[in-house]
Amino acid sequence: MKKIVKILPILMTVMMVFTMVSPVLAKTVGNVTVEPMKQSEIAGNVGNMGRTILGVIQVVGTLAAVGILMVVGIKYMMGSAEQKAEYKKVMIPYIIGAILLFAASSIANIVYNLALKF
C-alpha cells in the first residue's frame, strides 16, 4: 500500500506532463481548415486564464478568511474566560494563514504583471 501511495503521485504527474505537451499536428479536418495560433494569441489566452484563476483564488480566499474571522469573533464575544483564552490560541495561526493568503495572492499578481511586461 505504501508503494502505491508513493508511485501514484509520480505517475499522475508524468501523465499530466505528457497530456499537456502533446502537439496538435492536424491542419485540416474534413472541410474545415485549422490555422495554427500565433505566439501572441497563445500568450493572451494563457494570460486571461491566469488572471481568471488568480481572481477566483483571491475572492474565495477573502470570503473564507472573513467568514472564519466572523465565526471566531462571535465565539470569542460569547465565550467564557477559559474559552476566550482558547480562541486567542486559535487566532494566531488564523492570522498567520490570512496574511500568507493575501501575501501569496499579491505576490502572484505582481509576478503575473511583471511577466506580461517581458
N, C-alpha and C. Protein backbone atom coordinates (compact mmCIF):
# COMPACT_ATOMS: atom_id res chain seq x y z
N MET A 1 0.82 -1.20 0.00
CA MET A 1 0.00 0.00 0.00
C MET A 1 0.86 1.26 0.00
N LYS A 2 1.97 1.22 0.76
CA LYS A 2 2.83 2.39 0.83
C LYS A 2 3.50 2.67 -0.51
N LYS A 3 3.81 1.60 -1.27
CA LYS A 3 4.42 1.80 -2.57
C LYS A 3 3.45 2.49 -3.53
N ILE A 4 2.19 2.09 -3.46
CA ILE A 4 1.18 2.70 -4.33
C ILE A 4 1.03 4.18 -4.01
N VAL A 5 1.05 4.51 -2.73
CA VAL A 5 0.91 5.91 -2.31
C VAL A 5 2.09 6.73 -2.81
N LYS A 6 3.26 6.12 -2.90
CA LYS A 6 4.44 6.84 -3.40
C LYS A 6 4.47 6.90 -4.92
N ILE A 7 4.04 5.85 -5.58
CA ILE A 7 4.13 5.78 -7.04
C ILE A 7 3.01 6.57 -7.72
N LEU A 8 1.81 6.56 -7.14
CA LEU A 8 0.65 7.19 -7.77
C LEU A 8 0.84 8.68 -8.07
N PRO A 9 1.34 9.50 -7.14
CA PRO A 9 1.54 10.92 -7.50
C PRO A 9 2.56 11.12 -8.62
N ILE A 10 3.60 10.30 -8.63
CA ILE A 10 4.61 10.42 -9.68
C ILE A 10 4.01 10.04 -11.02
N LEU A 11 3.24 8.95 -11.04
CA LEU A 11 2.60 8.51 -12.27
C LEU A 11 1.60 9.55 -12.77
N MET A 12 0.84 10.13 -11.88
CA MET A 12 -0.13 11.16 -12.28
C MET A 12 0.57 12.39 -12.82
N THR A 13 1.69 12.78 -12.22
CA THR A 13 2.44 13.93 -12.71
C THR A 13 2.99 13.67 -14.10
N VAL A 14 3.53 12.49 -14.33
CA VAL A 14 4.07 12.14 -15.65
C VAL A 14 2.95 12.14 -16.69
N MET A 15 1.80 11.58 -16.34
CA MET A 15 0.68 11.57 -17.28
C MET A 15 0.21 12.99 -17.58
N MET A 16 0.19 13.84 -16.58
CA MET A 16 -0.24 15.22 -16.79
C MET A 16 0.73 15.95 -17.72
N VAL A 17 2.02 15.73 -17.52
CA VAL A 17 3.02 16.38 -18.37
C VAL A 17 2.86 15.92 -19.82
N PHE A 18 2.68 14.62 -20.02
CA PHE A 18 2.52 14.12 -21.39
C PHE A 18 1.26 14.65 -22.05
N THR A 19 0.18 14.79 -21.32
CA THR A 19 -1.04 15.29 -21.93
C THR A 19 -0.96 16.79 -22.21
N MET A 20 -0.18 17.51 -21.44
CA MET A 20 -0.09 18.96 -21.64
C MET A 20 0.82 19.33 -22.79
N VAL A 21 1.82 18.52 -23.07
CA VAL A 21 2.80 18.90 -24.09
C VAL A 21 2.58 18.20 -25.42
N SER A 22 1.51 17.45 -25.55
CA SER A 22 1.28 16.76 -26.83
C SER A 22 0.89 17.79 -27.89
N PRO A 23 1.63 17.87 -28.97
CA PRO A 23 1.32 18.86 -30.01
C PRO A 23 0.15 18.41 -30.88
N VAL A 24 -0.54 19.37 -31.43
CA VAL A 24 -1.61 19.10 -32.39
C VAL A 24 -1.03 19.31 -33.78
N LEU A 25 -1.03 18.26 -34.58
CA LEU A 25 -0.39 18.33 -35.89
C LEU A 25 -1.40 18.43 -37.03
N ALA A 26 -2.68 18.37 -36.74
CA ALA A 26 -3.69 18.41 -37.79
C ALA A 26 -3.85 19.83 -38.30
N LYS A 27 -3.88 19.97 -39.63
CA LYS A 27 -4.12 21.27 -40.23
C LYS A 27 -5.50 21.34 -40.84
N THR A 28 -5.98 20.24 -41.37
CA THR A 28 -7.33 20.23 -41.93
C THR A 28 -8.11 19.07 -41.33
N VAL A 29 -9.36 19.35 -41.03
CA VAL A 29 -10.26 18.33 -40.51
C VAL A 29 -11.50 18.39 -41.38
N GLY A 30 -11.66 17.44 -42.26
CA GLY A 30 -12.80 17.47 -43.19
C GLY A 30 -12.69 18.67 -44.09
N ASN A 31 -13.72 19.51 -44.10
CA ASN A 31 -13.73 20.73 -44.90
C ASN A 31 -13.25 21.94 -44.12
N VAL A 32 -12.94 21.76 -42.86
CA VAL A 32 -12.54 22.87 -42.00
C VAL A 32 -11.02 22.95 -41.96
N THR A 33 -10.48 24.12 -42.23
CA THR A 33 -9.04 24.33 -42.15
C THR A 33 -8.72 25.00 -40.82
N VAL A 34 -7.80 24.41 -40.09
CA VAL A 34 -7.41 24.93 -38.78
C VAL A 34 -6.09 25.65 -38.94
N GLU A 35 -6.07 26.93 -38.67
CA GLU A 35 -4.85 27.70 -38.75
C GLU A 35 -4.15 27.67 -37.39
N PRO A 36 -2.84 27.49 -37.39
CA PRO A 36 -2.13 27.50 -36.11
C PRO A 36 -2.20 28.88 -35.46
N MET A 37 -2.27 28.88 -34.15
CA MET A 37 -2.35 30.14 -33.42
C MET A 37 -0.97 30.79 -33.36
N LYS A 38 -0.97 32.08 -33.36
CA LYS A 38 0.28 32.82 -33.23
C LYS A 38 0.70 32.81 -31.77
N GLN A 39 1.98 33.03 -31.55
CA GLN A 39 2.53 33.01 -30.19
C GLN A 39 1.86 34.05 -29.31
N SER A 40 1.56 35.22 -29.85
CA SER A 40 0.94 36.27 -29.06
C SER A 40 -0.48 35.90 -28.66
N GLU A 41 -1.20 35.18 -29.54
CA GLU A 41 -2.56 34.74 -29.20
C GLU A 41 -2.53 33.71 -28.09
N ILE A 42 -1.56 32.81 -28.16
CA ILE A 42 -1.43 31.79 -27.11
C ILE A 42 -1.10 32.46 -25.78
N ALA A 43 -0.18 33.41 -25.80
CA ALA A 43 0.18 34.12 -24.57
C ALA A 43 -1.02 34.89 -24.02
N GLY A 44 -1.81 35.48 -24.90
CA GLY A 44 -3.00 36.20 -24.45
C GLY A 44 -4.02 35.28 -23.80
N ASN A 45 -4.22 34.09 -24.40
CA ASN A 45 -5.15 33.13 -23.82
C ASN A 45 -4.68 32.63 -22.47
N VAL A 46 -3.39 32.33 -22.37
CA VAL A 46 -2.83 31.87 -21.10
C VAL A 46 -2.90 32.99 -20.07
N GLY A 47 -2.65 34.21 -20.50
CA GLY A 47 -2.73 35.35 -19.59
C GLY A 47 -4.13 35.56 -19.06
N ASN A 48 -5.13 35.45 -19.93
CA ASN A 48 -6.51 35.59 -19.48
C ASN A 48 -6.90 34.49 -18.51
N MET A 49 -6.46 33.26 -18.79
CA MET A 49 -6.77 32.16 -17.91
C MET A 49 -6.08 32.35 -16.55
N GLY A 50 -4.83 32.79 -16.56
CA GLY A 50 -4.12 33.05 -15.31
C GLY A 50 -4.78 34.15 -14.50
N ARG A 51 -5.22 35.20 -15.18
CA ARG A 51 -5.90 36.30 -14.49
C ARG A 51 -7.21 35.81 -13.86
N THR A 52 -7.93 34.96 -14.57
CA THR A 52 -9.19 34.43 -14.05
C THR A 52 -8.95 33.54 -12.83
N ILE A 53 -7.98 32.65 -12.93
CA ILE A 53 -7.67 31.76 -11.81
C ILE A 53 -7.22 32.56 -10.60
N LEU A 54 -6.37 33.54 -10.80
CA LEU A 54 -5.89 34.37 -9.70
C LEU A 54 -7.05 35.12 -9.05
N GLY A 55 -7.96 35.64 -9.85
CA GLY A 55 -9.12 36.34 -9.30
C GLY A 55 -10.01 35.43 -8.48
N VAL A 56 -10.22 34.20 -8.95
CA VAL A 56 -11.05 33.25 -8.21
C VAL A 56 -10.39 32.90 -6.88
N ILE A 57 -9.09 32.67 -6.90
CA ILE A 57 -8.37 32.34 -5.66
C ILE A 57 -8.46 33.49 -4.67
N GLN A 58 -8.31 34.72 -5.14
CA GLN A 58 -8.39 35.87 -4.25
C GLN A 58 -9.78 36.01 -3.65
N VAL A 59 -10.82 35.84 -4.45
CA VAL A 59 -12.19 36.00 -3.95
C VAL A 59 -12.54 34.90 -2.95
N VAL A 60 -12.24 33.65 -3.31
CA VAL A 60 -12.57 32.54 -2.42
C VAL A 60 -11.77 32.65 -1.12
N GLY A 61 -10.50 32.99 -1.23
CA GLY A 61 -9.67 33.14 -0.03
C GLY A 61 -10.16 34.26 0.87
N THR A 62 -10.54 35.38 0.27
CA THR A 62 -11.04 36.51 1.06
C THR A 62 -12.35 36.15 1.75
N LEU A 63 -13.25 35.50 1.02
CA LEU A 63 -14.52 35.10 1.63
C LEU A 63 -14.31 34.10 2.77
N ALA A 64 -13.41 33.15 2.58
CA ALA A 64 -13.13 32.18 3.63
C ALA A 64 -12.51 32.86 4.85
N ALA A 65 -11.55 33.77 4.61
CA ALA A 65 -10.89 34.45 5.72
C ALA A 65 -11.88 35.30 6.52
N VAL A 66 -12.73 36.03 5.83
CA VAL A 66 -13.71 36.88 6.52
C VAL A 66 -14.73 36.02 7.25
N GLY A 67 -15.19 34.93 6.63
CA GLY A 67 -16.15 34.05 7.28
C GLY A 67 -15.60 33.43 8.55
N ILE A 68 -14.38 32.92 8.49
CA ILE A 68 -13.76 32.32 9.67
C ILE A 68 -13.54 33.37 10.74
N LEU A 69 -13.13 34.56 10.35
CA LEU A 69 -12.93 35.63 11.33
C LEU A 69 -14.24 35.97 12.03
N MET A 70 -15.34 36.01 11.29
CA MET A 70 -16.63 36.30 11.89
C MET A 70 -17.03 35.22 12.89
N VAL A 71 -16.85 33.96 12.52
CA VAL A 71 -17.23 32.86 13.41
C VAL A 71 -16.39 32.88 14.69
N VAL A 72 -15.09 33.02 14.55
CA VAL A 72 -14.22 33.04 15.72
C VAL A 72 -14.48 34.28 16.57
N GLY A 73 -14.76 35.41 15.92
CA GLY A 73 -15.06 36.63 16.67
C GLY A 73 -16.34 36.52 17.48
N ILE A 74 -17.37 35.92 16.89
CA ILE A 74 -18.63 35.74 17.63
C ILE A 74 -18.43 34.77 18.78
N LYS A 75 -17.70 33.68 18.54
CA LYS A 75 -17.43 32.73 19.62
C LYS A 75 -16.62 33.39 20.73
N TYR A 76 -15.69 34.27 20.34
CA TYR A 76 -14.87 34.98 21.34
C TYR A 76 -15.75 35.89 22.19
N MET A 77 -16.67 36.60 21.57
CA MET A 77 -17.54 37.52 22.32
C MET A 77 -18.49 36.76 23.25
N MET A 78 -18.94 35.59 22.84
CA MET A 78 -19.91 34.85 23.63
C MET A 78 -19.27 33.89 24.63
N GLY A 79 -17.98 33.67 24.53
CA GLY A 79 -17.33 32.66 25.35
C GLY A 79 -16.98 33.13 26.75
N SER A 80 -16.69 32.15 27.60
CA SER A 80 -16.25 32.44 28.97
C SER A 80 -14.77 32.79 28.94
N ALA A 81 -14.21 33.04 30.12
CA ALA A 81 -12.81 33.44 30.20
C ALA A 81 -11.88 32.33 29.70
N GLU A 82 -12.21 31.09 30.02
CA GLU A 82 -11.39 29.97 29.56
C GLU A 82 -11.50 29.80 28.05
N GLN A 83 -12.70 29.97 27.53
CA GLN A 83 -12.89 29.85 26.09
C GLN A 83 -12.21 30.98 25.33
N LYS A 84 -12.20 32.18 25.93
CA LYS A 84 -11.52 33.31 25.29
C LYS A 84 -10.03 33.04 25.17
N ALA A 85 -9.45 32.43 26.20
CA ALA A 85 -8.02 32.09 26.13
C ALA A 85 -7.77 31.07 25.03
N GLU A 86 -8.70 30.12 24.87
CA GLU A 86 -8.57 29.12 23.81
C GLU A 86 -8.70 29.77 22.43
N TYR A 87 -9.62 30.71 22.28
CA TYR A 87 -9.80 31.38 20.99
C TYR A 87 -8.61 32.25 20.64
N LYS A 88 -7.95 32.81 21.65
CA LYS A 88 -6.74 33.58 21.37
C LYS A 88 -5.66 32.68 20.78
N LYS A 89 -5.58 31.43 21.27
CA LYS A 89 -4.62 30.47 20.72
C LYS A 89 -4.98 30.13 19.27
N VAL A 90 -6.27 30.07 18.98
CA VAL A 90 -6.72 29.74 17.62
C VAL A 90 -6.47 30.91 16.68
N MET A 91 -6.54 32.12 17.18
CA MET A 91 -6.41 33.31 16.33
C MET A 91 -5.01 33.48 15.75
N ILE A 92 -3.98 33.07 16.46
CA ILE A 92 -2.61 33.28 15.97
C ILE A 92 -2.37 32.51 14.67
N PRO A 93 -2.66 31.20 14.59
CA PRO A 93 -2.48 30.53 13.29
C PRO A 93 -3.41 31.08 12.21
N TYR A 94 -4.62 31.50 12.62
CA TYR A 94 -5.55 32.07 11.64
C TYR A 94 -4.97 33.35 11.04
N ILE A 95 -4.45 34.22 11.88
CA ILE A 95 -3.90 35.49 11.39
C ILE A 95 -2.70 35.22 10.48
N ILE A 96 -1.85 34.29 10.86
CA ILE A 96 -0.70 33.95 10.03
C ILE A 96 -1.17 33.39 8.68
N GLY A 97 -2.17 32.52 8.71
CA GLY A 97 -2.71 31.96 7.47
C GLY A 97 -3.33 33.02 6.58
N ALA A 98 -4.08 33.95 7.19
CA ALA A 98 -4.71 35.02 6.40
C ALA A 98 -3.64 35.91 5.76
N ILE A 99 -2.60 36.23 6.51
CA ILE A 99 -1.51 37.05 5.97
C ILE A 99 -0.83 36.32 4.81
N LEU A 100 -0.58 35.02 4.99
CA LEU A 100 0.03 34.25 3.91
C LEU A 100 -0.87 34.19 2.67
N LEU A 101 -2.16 34.04 2.90
CA LEU A 101 -3.10 34.00 1.78
C LEU A 101 -3.07 35.30 0.99
N PHE A 102 -3.20 36.42 1.67
CA PHE A 102 -3.21 37.70 0.98
C PHE A 102 -1.84 38.03 0.37
N ALA A 103 -0.77 37.66 1.08
CA ALA A 103 0.57 37.92 0.54
C ALA A 103 0.83 37.06 -0.69
N ALA A 104 0.42 35.79 -0.64
CA ALA A 104 0.66 34.90 -1.78
C ALA A 104 -0.10 35.36 -3.01
N SER A 105 -1.35 35.78 -2.82
CA SER A 105 -2.11 36.23 -3.98
C SER A 105 -1.55 37.55 -4.52
N SER A 106 -1.08 38.40 -3.63
CA SER A 106 -0.47 39.67 -4.08
C SER A 106 0.84 39.42 -4.81
N ILE A 107 1.64 38.52 -4.29
CA ILE A 107 2.92 38.19 -4.93
C ILE A 107 2.67 37.56 -6.30
N ALA A 108 1.67 36.66 -6.37
CA ALA A 108 1.34 36.05 -7.66
C ALA A 108 0.87 37.10 -8.66
N ASN A 109 0.12 38.08 -8.18
CA ASN A 109 -0.34 39.16 -9.05
C ASN A 109 0.83 40.00 -9.54
N ILE A 110 1.78 40.29 -8.67
CA ILE A 110 2.97 41.07 -9.06
C ILE A 110 3.79 40.30 -10.09
N VAL A 111 4.00 39.00 -9.85
CA VAL A 111 4.77 38.18 -10.79
C VAL A 111 4.05 38.12 -12.14
N TYR A 112 2.74 37.99 -12.11
CA TYR A 112 1.95 37.94 -13.34
C TYR A 112 2.11 39.24 -14.13
N ASN A 113 2.01 40.38 -13.44
CA ASN A 113 2.15 41.67 -14.11
C ASN A 113 3.56 41.87 -14.66
N LEU A 114 4.57 41.41 -13.92
CA LEU A 114 5.95 41.51 -14.42
C LEU A 114 6.16 40.61 -15.64
N ALA A 115 5.53 39.45 -15.64
CA ALA A 115 5.66 38.53 -16.77
C ALA A 115 5.03 39.11 -18.03
N LEU A 116 3.97 39.89 -17.86
CA LEU A 116 3.33 40.50 -19.02
C LEU A 116 4.22 41.55 -19.67
N LYS A 117 5.06 42.21 -18.87
CA LYS A 117 5.94 43.24 -19.42
C LYS A 117 7.04 42.66 -20.27
N PHE A 118 7.45 41.42 -19.98
CA PHE A 118 8.55 40.82 -20.74
C PHE A 118 7.98 39.95 -21.76
